[in-house]
Amino acid sequence: MSIGLLGRKIGMTSVYDARGRLCPVTVIAAGDNVFLRRITTENDGYSAVQVGFDDQKESRVTKQLLGEFKKAGVEPKRFVREFRLDADLPDGAINLSVTQFQAGDYVDVIGRSKGKGFQGVMKKHNFHGQGAAHGSKTHRRIGAVGNRSTPGRIWKNQGMPGHLGDERVTVQNLQVMQVRETEKVILISGAVPGANGSYVVIRPAIKKPAAAAAKPEAAKKPEPARKPEATTKPEAAKKSDATTEAEAAKK
């Protein structure tokens, strides 16, 4: 059963798919995921698994977290997350290796986007900008936003300059291209949020786009029956029938 993995973004490359097409992929190192704690419905109100990734020094961990790691019998981890479970599975049924995913599976990848700092409205909100010539001195500025005396205020959700990036981003329905067990890496099609070396969370796709394509044929609407076309005799056959009737009348 696939529950999810923690990993580190290595970078991007390209591989060939089954049809021979060259596809860009993101390489994610997802080995050494460690089981930390079970969260049960009886004690916590929901069922989940706490997983840790990437070792770090004990001196950089608080005493509270250090006690949790010692209780689990593992080294302190830098990246800790939870994965929700549909049911209370036994510990032996939880697979935290890269083999829980296979080529062709669809996953959602959660990461933290690159920080861009303080940016203007043209870069942050894709505004068109103002005049580039004829005496304009406000080429990339936002312009008037108060709308005169009525209403005399700035509406909510008005695009403004501000901080861009460095936020949680989820990219859905990315396809797993390859799973390399010996190298403990997963190759996922397309781009993944975050810089190289940043942490990411890989989970099974929630929307599952492959389910729509796998509908049985019986579920499809039947095509309406076509009416049979009326058979009409050609003009030559009509003339021959008319001459035959005329000759029979003369006799």
C-alpha atoms as a PDB file:
ATOM      1  CA  MET A   1       0.000   0.000   0.000  1.00  0.00           C
ATOM      2  CA  SER A   2       1.371   3.421  -0.987  1.00  0.00           C
ATOM      3  CA  ILE A   3       1.201   5.986   1.806  1.00  0.00           C
ATOM      4  CA  GLY A   4       3.900   8.462   0.772  1.00  0.00           C
ATOM      5  CA  LEU A   5       7.588   9.263   1.088  1.00  0.00           C
ATOM      6  CA  LEU A   6       9.870  12.098   2.131  1.00  0.00           C
ATOM      7  CA  GLY A   7      12.704  13.023  -0.168  1.00  0.00           C
ATOM      8  CA  ARG A   8      15.213  15.562  -1.379  1.00  0.00           C
ATOM      9  CA  LYS A   9      15.124  17.183  -4.799  1.00  0.00           C
ATOM     10  CA  ILE A  10      18.353  16.394  -6.639  1.00  0.00           C
ATOM     11  CA  GLY A  11      17.759  18.116  -9.972  1.00  0.00           C
ATOM     12  CA  MET A  12      16.284  17.595 -13.424  1.00  0.00           C
ATOM     13  CA  THR A  13      17.221  15.418 -16.372  1.00  0.00           C
ATOM     14  CA  SER A  14      15.420  13.663 -19.223  1.00  0.00           C
ATOM     15  CA  VAL A  15      14.592  10.030 -19.984  1.00  0.00           C
ATOM     16  CA  TYR A  16      12.790   8.140 -22.735  1.00  0.00           C
ATOM     17  CA  ASP A  17       9.336   6.770 -22.045  1.00  0.00           C
ATOM     18  CA  ALA A  18       7.777   3.549 -23.376  1.00  0.00           C
ATOM     19  CA  ARG A  19       6.815   5.266 -26.654  1.00  0.00           C
ATOM     20  CA  GLY A  20      10.332   6.534 -27.277  1.00  0.00           C
ATOM     21  CA  ARG A  21       9.580  10.158 -26.412  1.00  0.00           C
ATOM     22  CA  LEU A  22      12.154  12.225 -24.515  1.00  0.00           C
ATOM     23  CA  CYS A  23      10.489  13.488 -21.307  1.00  0.00           C
ATOM     24  CA  PRO A  24      11.864  15.931 -18.708  1.00  0.00           C
ATOM     25  CA  VAL A  25      11.926  14.431 -15.211  1.00  0.00           C
ATOM     26  CA  THR A  26      12.843  15.481 -11.687  1.00  0.00           C
ATOM     27  CA  VAL A  27      15.161  13.206  -9.715  1.00  0.00           C
ATOM     28  CA  ILE A  28      14.160  12.809  -6.057  1.00  0.00           C
ATOM     29  CA  ALA A  29      16.250  10.884  -3.528  1.00  0.00           C
ATOM     30  CA  ALA A  30      13.689   9.172  -1.292  1.00  0.00           C
ATOM     31  CA  GLY A  31      15.693   6.556   0.550  1.00  0.00           C
ATOM     32  CA  ASP A  32      16.202   6.130   4.308  1.00  0.00           C
ATOM     33  CA  ASN A  33      12.659   7.027   5.364  1.00  0.00           C
ATOM     34  CA  VAL A  34      12.350   5.971   9.009  1.00  0.00           C
ATOM     35  CA  PHE A  35       9.219   5.041  10.933  1.00  0.00           C
ATOM     36  CA  LEU A  36       8.919   7.202  14.070  1.00  0.00           C
ATOM     37  CA  ARG A  37       5.470   6.837  15.601  1.00  0.00           C
ATOM     38  CA  ARG A  38       1.991   5.430  15.024  1.00  0.00           C
ATOM     39  CA  ILE A  39      -0.960   7.757  15.485  1.00  0.00           C
ATOM     40  CA  THR A  40      -4.127   5.784  16.185  1.00  0.00           C
ATOM     41  CA  THR A  41      -7.788   6.658  16.148  1.00  0.00           C
ATOM     42  CA  GLU A  42      -8.255   5.555  19.760  1.00  0.00           C
ATOM     43  CA  ASN A  43      -5.579   7.864  21.182  1.00  0.00           C
ATOM     44  CA  ASP A  44      -5.436  10.789  18.744  1.00  0.00           C
ATOM     45  CA  GLY A  45      -8.724  10.752  16.861  1.00  0.00           C
ATOM     46  CA  TYR A  46      -7.198   9.918  13.482  1.00  0.00           C
ATOM     47  CA  SER A  47      -4.929   7.312  11.940  1.00  0.00           C
ATOM     48  CA  ALA A  48      -1.529   8.336  10.597  1.00  0.00           C
ATOM     49  CA  VAL A  49       2.155   7.454  10.460  1.00  0.00           C
ATOM     50  CA  GLN A  50       4.963   9.802  11.485  1.00  0.00           C
ATOM     51  CA  VAL A  51       8.018   9.498   9.241  1.00  0.00           C
ATOM     52  CA  GLY A  52      11.485  11.046   9.503  1.00  0.00           C
ATOM     53  CA  PHE A  53      14.124  11.758   6.863  1.00  0.00           C
ATOM     54  CA  ASP A  54      17.746  12.992   6.795  1.00  0.00           C
ATOM     55  CA  ASP A  55      19.934  12.637   9.900  1.00  0.00           C
ATOM     56  CA  GLN A  56      21.188  15.596  11.894  1.00  0.00           C
ATOM     57  CA  LYS A  57      23.274  16.231  15.030  1.00  0.00           C
ATOM     58  CA  GLU A  58      21.783  15.799  18.481  1.00  0.00           C
ATOM     59  CA  SER A  59      23.069  19.253  19.470  1.00  0.00           C
ATOM     60  CA  ARG A  60      20.693  20.850  16.968  1.00  0.00           C
ATOM     61  CA  VAL A  61      17.557  19.147  18.284  1.00  0.00           C
ATOM     62  CA  THR A  62      15.445  20.278  21.221  1.00  0.00           C
ATOM     63  CA  LYS A  63      15.238  18.009  24.257  1.00  0.00           C
ATOM     64  CA  GLN A  64      11.593  17.268  23.600  1.00  0.00           C
ATOM     65  CA  LEU A  65      12.226  16.077  20.034  1.00  0.00           C
ATOM     66  CA  LEU A  66      15.380  14.271  21.099  1.00  0.00           C
ATOM     67  CA  GLY A  67      13.321  12.265  23.570  1.00  0.00           C
ATOM     68  CA  GLU A  68      10.870  11.339  20.808  1.00  0.00           C
ATOM     69  CA  PHE A  69      13.693  10.114  18.577  1.00  0.00           C
ATOM     70  CA  LYS A  70      15.280   8.099  21.388  1.00  0.00           C
ATOM     71  CA  LYS A  71      11.907   6.565  22.179  1.00  0.00           C
ATOM     72  CA  ALA A  72      11.632   5.465  18.547  1.00  0.00           C
ATOM     73  CA  GLY A  73      15.205   4.143  18.635  1.00  0.00           C
ATOM     74  CA  VAL A  74      16.454   6.172  15.652  1.00  0.00           C
ATOM     75  CA  GLU A  75      18.897   8.986  14.987  1.00  0.00           C
ATOM     76  CA  PRO A  76      17.524  12.561  15.102  1.00  0.00           C
ATOM     77  CA  LYS A  77      15.917  13.559  11.824  1.00  0.00           C
ATOM     78  CA  ARG A  78      15.847  16.932  10.138  1.00  0.00           C
ATOM     79  CA  PHE A  79      12.582  16.497   8.199  1.00  0.00           C
ATOM     80  CA  VAL A  80       9.533  14.976   9.935  1.00  0.00           C
ATOM     81  CA  ARG A  81       6.030  14.680   8.487  1.00  0.00           C
ATOM     82  CA  GLU A  82       2.827  12.665   8.921  1.00  0.00           C
ATOM     83  CA  PHE A  83       0.942  10.577   6.379  1.00  0.00           C
ATOM     84  CA  ARG A  84      -2.749   9.939   6.955  1.00  0.00           C
ATOM     85  CA  LEU A  85      -4.062   6.370   6.695  1.00  0.00           C
ATOM     86  CA  ASP A  86      -7.533   5.219   5.711  1.00  0.00           C
ATOM     87  CA  ALA A  87      -7.448   2.426   8.287  1.00  0.00           C
ATOM     88  CA  ASP A  88      -5.296   1.264  11.187  1.00  0.00           C
ATOM     89  CA  LEU A  89      -2.764  -0.885   9.354  1.00  0.00           C
ATOM     90  CA  PRO A  90      -0.331  -3.158  11.185  1.00  0.00           C
ATOM     91  CA  ASP A  91       3.246  -1.918  11.367  1.00  0.00           C
ATOM     92  CA  GLY A  92       4.424  -4.735   9.108  1.00  0.00           C
ATOM     93  CA  ALA A  93       2.162  -3.574   6.272  1.00  0.00           C
ATOM     94  CA  ILE A  94       3.759  -0.103   6.102  1.00  0.00           C
ATOM     95  CA  ASN A  95       6.316   0.153   3.300  1.00  0.00           C
ATOM     96  CA  LEU A  96       8.668   3.159   3.490  1.00  0.00           C
ATOM     97  CA  SER A  97      10.930   2.267   0.567  1.00  0.00           C
ATOM     98  CA  VAL A  98      10.832   3.595  -2.987  1.00  0.00           C
ATOM     99  CA  THR A  99       9.279   0.300  -4.121  1.00  0.00           C
ATOM    100  CA  GLN A 100       5.855   1.402  -2.862  1.00  0.00           C
ATOM    101  CA  PHE A 101       5.613   3.392  -6.116  1.00  0.00           C
ATOM    102  CA  GLN A 102       5.855   1.931  -9.601  1.00  0.00           C
ATOM    103  CA  ALA A 103       6.374   3.390 -13.053  1.00  0.00           C
ATOM    104  CA  GLY A 104       3.075   4.736 -14.322  1.00  0.00           C
ATOM    105  CA  ASP A 105       1.687   5.737 -10.908  1.00  0.00           C
ATOM    106  CA  TYR A 106       0.404   9.267 -10.384  1.00  0.00           C
ATOM    107  CA  VAL A 107       1.598  11.263  -7.380  1.00  0.00           C
ATOM    108  CA  ASP A 108       1.270  14.693  -5.788  1.00  0.00           C
ATOM    109  CA  VAL A 109       4.507  16.447  -4.824  1.00  0.00           C
ATOM    110  CA  ILE A 110       4.559  19.072  -2.067  1.00  0.00           C
ATOM    111  CA  GLY A 111       7.492  21.446  -1.751  1.00  0.00           C
ATOM    112  CA  ARG A 112       8.466  25.002  -0.907  1.00  0.00           C
ATOM    113  CA  SER A 113       8.847  27.326  -3.873  1.00  0.00           C
ATOM    114  CA  LYS A 114      11.951  29.411  -4.474  1.00  0.00           C
ATOM    115  CA  GLY A 115      11.921  32.774  -2.704  1.00  0.00           C
ATOM    116  CA  LYS A 116      11.964  35.772  -5.072  1.00  0.00           C
ATOM    117  CA  GLY A 117      12.050  38.525  -2.455  1.00  0.00           C
ATOM    118  CA  PHE A 118      10.036  41.753  -2.759  1.00  0.00           C
ATOM    119  CA  GLN A 119       8.652  42.048  -6.295  1.00  0.00           C
ATOM    120  CA  GLY A 120       6.442  44.476  -8.185  1.00  0.00           C
ATOM    121  CA  VAL A 121       3.028  43.866  -9.675  1.00  0.00           C
ATOM    122  CA  MET A 122       4.327  43.041 -13.161  1.00  0.00           C
ATOM    123  CA  LYS A 123       6.375  40.097 -11.931  1.00  0.00           C
ATOM    124  CA  LYS A 124       4.122  39.041  -9.058  1.00  0.00           C
ATOM    125  CA  HIS A 125       0.656  39.428 -10.644  1.00  0.00           C
ATOM    126  CA  ASN A 126       1.533  39.599 -14.364  1.00  0.00           C
ATOM    127  CA  PHE A 127       0.207  43.154 -14.762  1.00  0.00           C
ATOM    128  CA  HIS A 128       0.587  44.732 -18.188  1.00  0.00           C
ATOM    129  CA  GLY A 129       2.328  47.872 -16.940  1.00  0.00           C
ATOM    130  CA  GLN A 130       1.944  51.486 -18.020  1.00  0.00           C
ATOM    131  CA  GLY A 131       3.200  53.438 -20.998  1.00  0.00           C
ATOM    132  CA  ALA A 132       6.778  52.891 -22.045  1.00  0.00           C
ATOM    133  CA  ALA A 133       7.236  56.269 -23.793  1.00  0.00           C
ATOM    134  CA  HIS A 134       5.666  59.726 -24.359  1.00  0.00           C
ATOM    135  CA  GLY A 135       6.816  61.165 -21.054  1.00  0.00           C
ATOM    136  CA  SER A 136       5.610  58.349 -18.802  1.00  0.00           C
ATOM    137  CA  LYS A 137       7.596  58.031 -15.594  1.00  0.00           C
ATOM    138  CA  THR A 138       5.672  55.087 -14.127  1.00  0.00           C
ATOM    139  CA  HIS A 139       6.538  52.274 -16.496  1.00  0.00           C
ATOM    140  CA  ARG A 140       6.237  49.338 -14.078  1.00  0.00           C
ATOM    141  CA  ARG A 141       4.201  50.850 -11.252  1.00  0.00           C
ATOM    142  CA  ILE A 142       0.705  49.821 -10.235  1.00  0.00           C
ATOM    143  CA  GLY A 143      -0.989  53.199 -10.770  1.00  0.00           C
ATOM    144  CA  ALA A 144      -4.161  54.445  -9.053  1.00  0.00           C
ATOM    145  CA  VAL A 145      -6.006  51.904  -6.903  1.00  0.00           C
ATOM    146  CA  GLY A 146      -8.354  54.050  -4.760  1.00  0.00           C
ATOM    147  CA  ASN A 147     -11.065  54.556  -7.425  1.00  0.00           C
ATOM    148  CA  ARG A 148     -11.675  58.292  -6.644  1.00  0.00           C
ATOM    149  CA  SER A 149     -14.006  59.275  -3.807  1.00  0.00           C
ATOM    150  CA  THR A 150     -16.470  56.457  -4.501  1.00  0.00           C
ATOM    151  CA  PRO A 151     -15.799  54.048  -2.887  1.00  0.00           C
ATOM    152  CA  GLY A 152     -12.632  55.832  -1.838  1.00  0.00           C
ATOM    153  CA  ARG A 153     -10.890  52.696  -0.636  1.00  0.00           C
ATOM    154  CA  ILE A 154      -8.925  49.761  -1.934  1.00  0.00           C
ATOM    155  CA  TRP A 155     -10.908  46.607  -2.610  1.00  0.00           C
ATOM    156  CA  LYS A 156      -9.912  43.260  -1.162  1.00  0.00           C
ATOM    157  CA  ASN A 157      -7.604  41.050  -3.242  1.00  0.00           C
ATOM    158  CA  GLN A 158      -6.188  44.060  -5.084  1.00  0.00           C
ATOM    159  CA  GLY A 159      -2.849  43.056  -6.560  1.00  0.00           C
ATOM    160  CA  MET A 160      -0.044  44.870  -4.769  1.00  0.00           C
ATOM    161  CA  PRO A 161       3.738  44.675  -4.691  1.00  0.00           C
ATOM    162  CA  GLY A 162       5.022  42.319  -2.040  1.00  0.00           C
ATOM    163  CA  HIS A 163       6.900  39.167  -1.183  1.00  0.00           C
ATOM    164  CA  LEU A 164       6.911  36.467  -3.869  1.00  0.00           C
ATOM    165  CA  GLY A 165       7.689  32.776  -3.473  1.00  0.00           C
ATOM    166  CA  ASP A 166       8.931  30.814  -0.448  1.00  0.00           C
ATOM    167  CA  GLU A 167       5.533  29.229   0.162  1.00  0.00           C
ATOM    168  CA  ARG A 168       4.061  25.735   0.206  1.00  0.00           C
ATOM    169  CA  VAL A 169       3.169  24.546  -3.298  1.00  0.00           C
ATOM    170  CA  THR A 170       1.467  21.288  -4.303  1.00  0.00           C
ATOM    171  CA  VAL A 171       1.819  20.000  -7.863  1.00  0.00           C
ATOM    172  CA  GLN A 172      -0.807  17.365  -8.597  1.00  0.00           C
ATOM    173  CA  ASN A 173      -0.963  14.366 -10.907  1.00  0.00           C
ATOM    174  CA  LEU A 174       2.677  13.945 -11.854  1.00  0.00           C
ATOM    175  CA  GLN A 175       3.536  10.570 -13.347  1.00  0.00           C
ATOM    176  CA  VAL A 176       6.278   8.332 -11.999  1.00  0.00           C
ATOM    177  CA  MET A 177       8.593   7.533 -14.904  1.00  0.00           C
ATOM    178  CA  GLN A 178      11.156   5.288 -13.192  1.00  0.00           C
ATOM    179  CA  VAL A 179      11.859   3.833  -9.750  1.00  0.00           C
ATOM    180  CA  ARG A 180      15.504   2.872  -9.182  1.00  0.00           C
ATOM    181  CA  GLU A 181      15.634   0.711  -6.087  1.00  0.00           C
ATOM    182  CA  THR A 182      19.411   0.332  -5.914  1.00  0.00           C
ATOM    183  CA  GLU A 183      19.983   4.091  -6.096  1.00  0.00           C
ATOM    184  CA  LYS A 184      16.890   4.851  -3.941  1.00  0.00           C
ATOM    185  CA  VAL A 185      15.660   7.550  -6.300  1.00  0.00           C
ATOM    186  CA  ILE A 186      12.368   8.245  -8.059  1.00  0.00           C
ATOM    187  CA  LEU A 187      12.131   9.942 -11.444  1.00  0.00           C
ATOM    188  CA  ILE A 188       8.938  12.003 -11.723  1.00  0.00           C
ATOM    189  CA  SER A 189       7.749  13.687 -14.909  1.00  0.00           C
ATOM    190  CA  GLY A 190       7.760  17.470 -15.042  1.00  0.00           C
ATOM    191  CA  ALA A 191       8.950  20.087 -12.588  1.00  0.00           C
ATOM    192  CA  VAL A 192       8.739  19.980  -8.806  1.00  0.00           C
ATOM    193  CA  PRO A 193       8.602  23.093  -6.579  1.00  0.00           C
ATOM    194  CA  GLY A 194      11.723  24.110  -4.709  1.00  0.00           C
ATOM    195  CA  ALA A 195      15.425  24.529  -5.294  1.00  0.00           C
ATOM    196  CA  ASN A 196      17.852  21.668  -5.727  1.00  0.00           C
ATOM    197  CA  GLY A 197      18.527  20.129  -2.332  1.00  0.00           C
ATOM    198  CA  SER A 198      15.185  21.149  -0.820  1.00  0.00           C
ATOM    199  CA  TYR A 199      12.846  18.697   0.902  1.00  0.00           C
ATOM    200  CA  VAL A 200       9.687  17.424  -0.774  1.00  0.00           C
ATOM    201  CA  VAL A 201       6.769  15.184   0.154  1.00  0.00           C
ATOM    202  CA  ILE A 202       5.569  12.544  -2.309  1.00  0.00           C
ATOM    203  CA  ARG A 203       2.085  11.127  -1.806  1.00  0.00           C
ATOM    204  CA  PRO A 204      -0.330   9.134  -3.989  1.00  0.00           C
ATOM    205  CA  ALA A 205      -2.420  11.375  -6.226  1.00  0.00           C
ATOM    206  CA  ILE A 206      -5.702  12.393  -4.623  1.00  0.00           C
ATOM    207  CA  LYS A 207      -7.569  13.086  -7.849  1.00  0.00           C
ATOM    208  CA  LYS A 208      -6.201  10.010  -9.677  1.00  0.00           C
ATOM    209  CA  PRO A 209      -6.521  11.049 -13.343  1.00  0.00           C
ATOM    210  CA  ALA A 210      -6.015   7.462 -14.544  1.00  0.00           C
ATOM    211  CA  ALA A 211      -9.346   6.396 -13.021  1.00  0.00           C
ATOM    212  CA  ALA A 212     -11.357   8.360 -15.583  1.00  0.00           C
ATOM    213  CA  ALA A 213      -9.571   6.687 -18.487  1.00  0.00           C
ATOM    214  CA  ALA A 214     -10.140   3.203 -17.042  1.00  0.00           C
ATOM    215  CA  LYS A 215     -13.950   3.343 -17.037  1.00  0.00           C
ATOM    216  CA  PRO A 216     -15.579   0.174 -18.408  1.00  0.00           C
ATOM    217  CA  GLU A 217     -17.206   0.241 -21.802  1.00  0.00           C
ATOM    218  CA  ALA A 218     -20.630  -0.494 -20.283  1.00  0.00           C
ATOM    219  CA  ALA A 219     -20.542   2.826 -18.426  1.00  0.00           C
ATOM    220  CA  LYS A 220     -20.373   4.792 -21.674  1.00  0.00           C
ATOM    221  CA  LYS A 221     -23.612   6.109 -23.136  1.00  0.00           C
ATOM    222  CA  PRO A 222     -24.850   4.035 -26.088  1.00  0.00           C
ATOM    223  CA  GLU A 223     -24.968   5.795 -29.424  1.00  0.00           C
ATOM    224  CA  PRO A 224     -28.488   6.549 -30.740  1.00  0.00           C
ATOM    225  CA  ALA A 225     -29.728   4.139 -33.406  1.00  0.00           C
ATOM    226  CA  ARG A 226     -29.662   5.586 -36.885  1.00  0.00           C
ATOM    227  CA  LYS A 227     -32.816   5.536 -38.994  1.00  0.00           C
ATOM    228  CA  PRO A 228     -32.605   3.386 -42.154  1.00  0.00           C
ATOM    229  CA  GLU A 229     -32.267   5.454 -45.289  1.00  0.00           C
ATOM    230  CA  ALA A 230     -35.262   5.417 -47.650  1.00  0.00           C
ATOM    231  CA  THR A 231     -34.569   3.397 -50.784  1.00  0.00           C
ATOM    232  CA  THR A 232     -35.357   5.349 -53.972  1.00  0.00           C
ATOM    233  CA  LYS A 233     -35.288   3.968 -57.464  1.00  0.00           C
ATOM    234  CA  PRO A 234     -33.047   5.691 -59.996  1.00  0.00           C
ATOM    235  CA  GLU A 235     -34.593   7.767 -62.794  1.00  0.00           C
ATOM    236  CA  ALA A 236     -33.763   5.167 -65.468  1.00  0.00           C
ATOM    237  CA  ALA A 237     -35.679   2.467 -63.565  1.00  0.00           C
ATOM    238  CA  LYS A 238     -38.690   4.807 -63.202  1.00  0.00           C
ATOM    239  CA  LYS A 239     -38.790   5.479 -66.982  1.00  0.00           C
ATOM    240  CA  SER A 240     -38.607   1.752 -67.810  1.00  0.00           C
ATOM    241  CA  ASP A 241     -41.506   1.022 -65.451  1.00  0.00           C
ATOM    242  CA  ALA A 242     -43.608   3.822 -67.072  1.00  0.00           C
ATOM    243  CA  THR A 243     -43.024   2.519 -70.634  1.00  0.00           C
ATOM    244  CA  THR A 244     -43.950  -1.023 -69.560  1.00  0.00           C
ATOM    245  CA  GLU A 245     -47.237   0.190 -68.097  1.00  0.00           C
ATOM    246  CA  ALA A 246     -48.055   2.217 -71.288  1.00  0.00           C
ATOM    247  CA  GLU A 247     -47.448  -0.761 -73.586  1.00  0.00           C
ATOM    248  CA  ALA A 248     -49.654  -2.962 -71.398  1.00  0.00           C
ATOM    249  CA  ALA A 249     -52.486  -0.372 -71.608  1.00  0.00           C
ATOM    250  CA  LYS A 250     -52.345  -0.286 -75.481  1.00  0.00           C
ATOM    251  CA  LYS A 251     -52.756  -4.040 -75.690  1.00  0.00           C
END
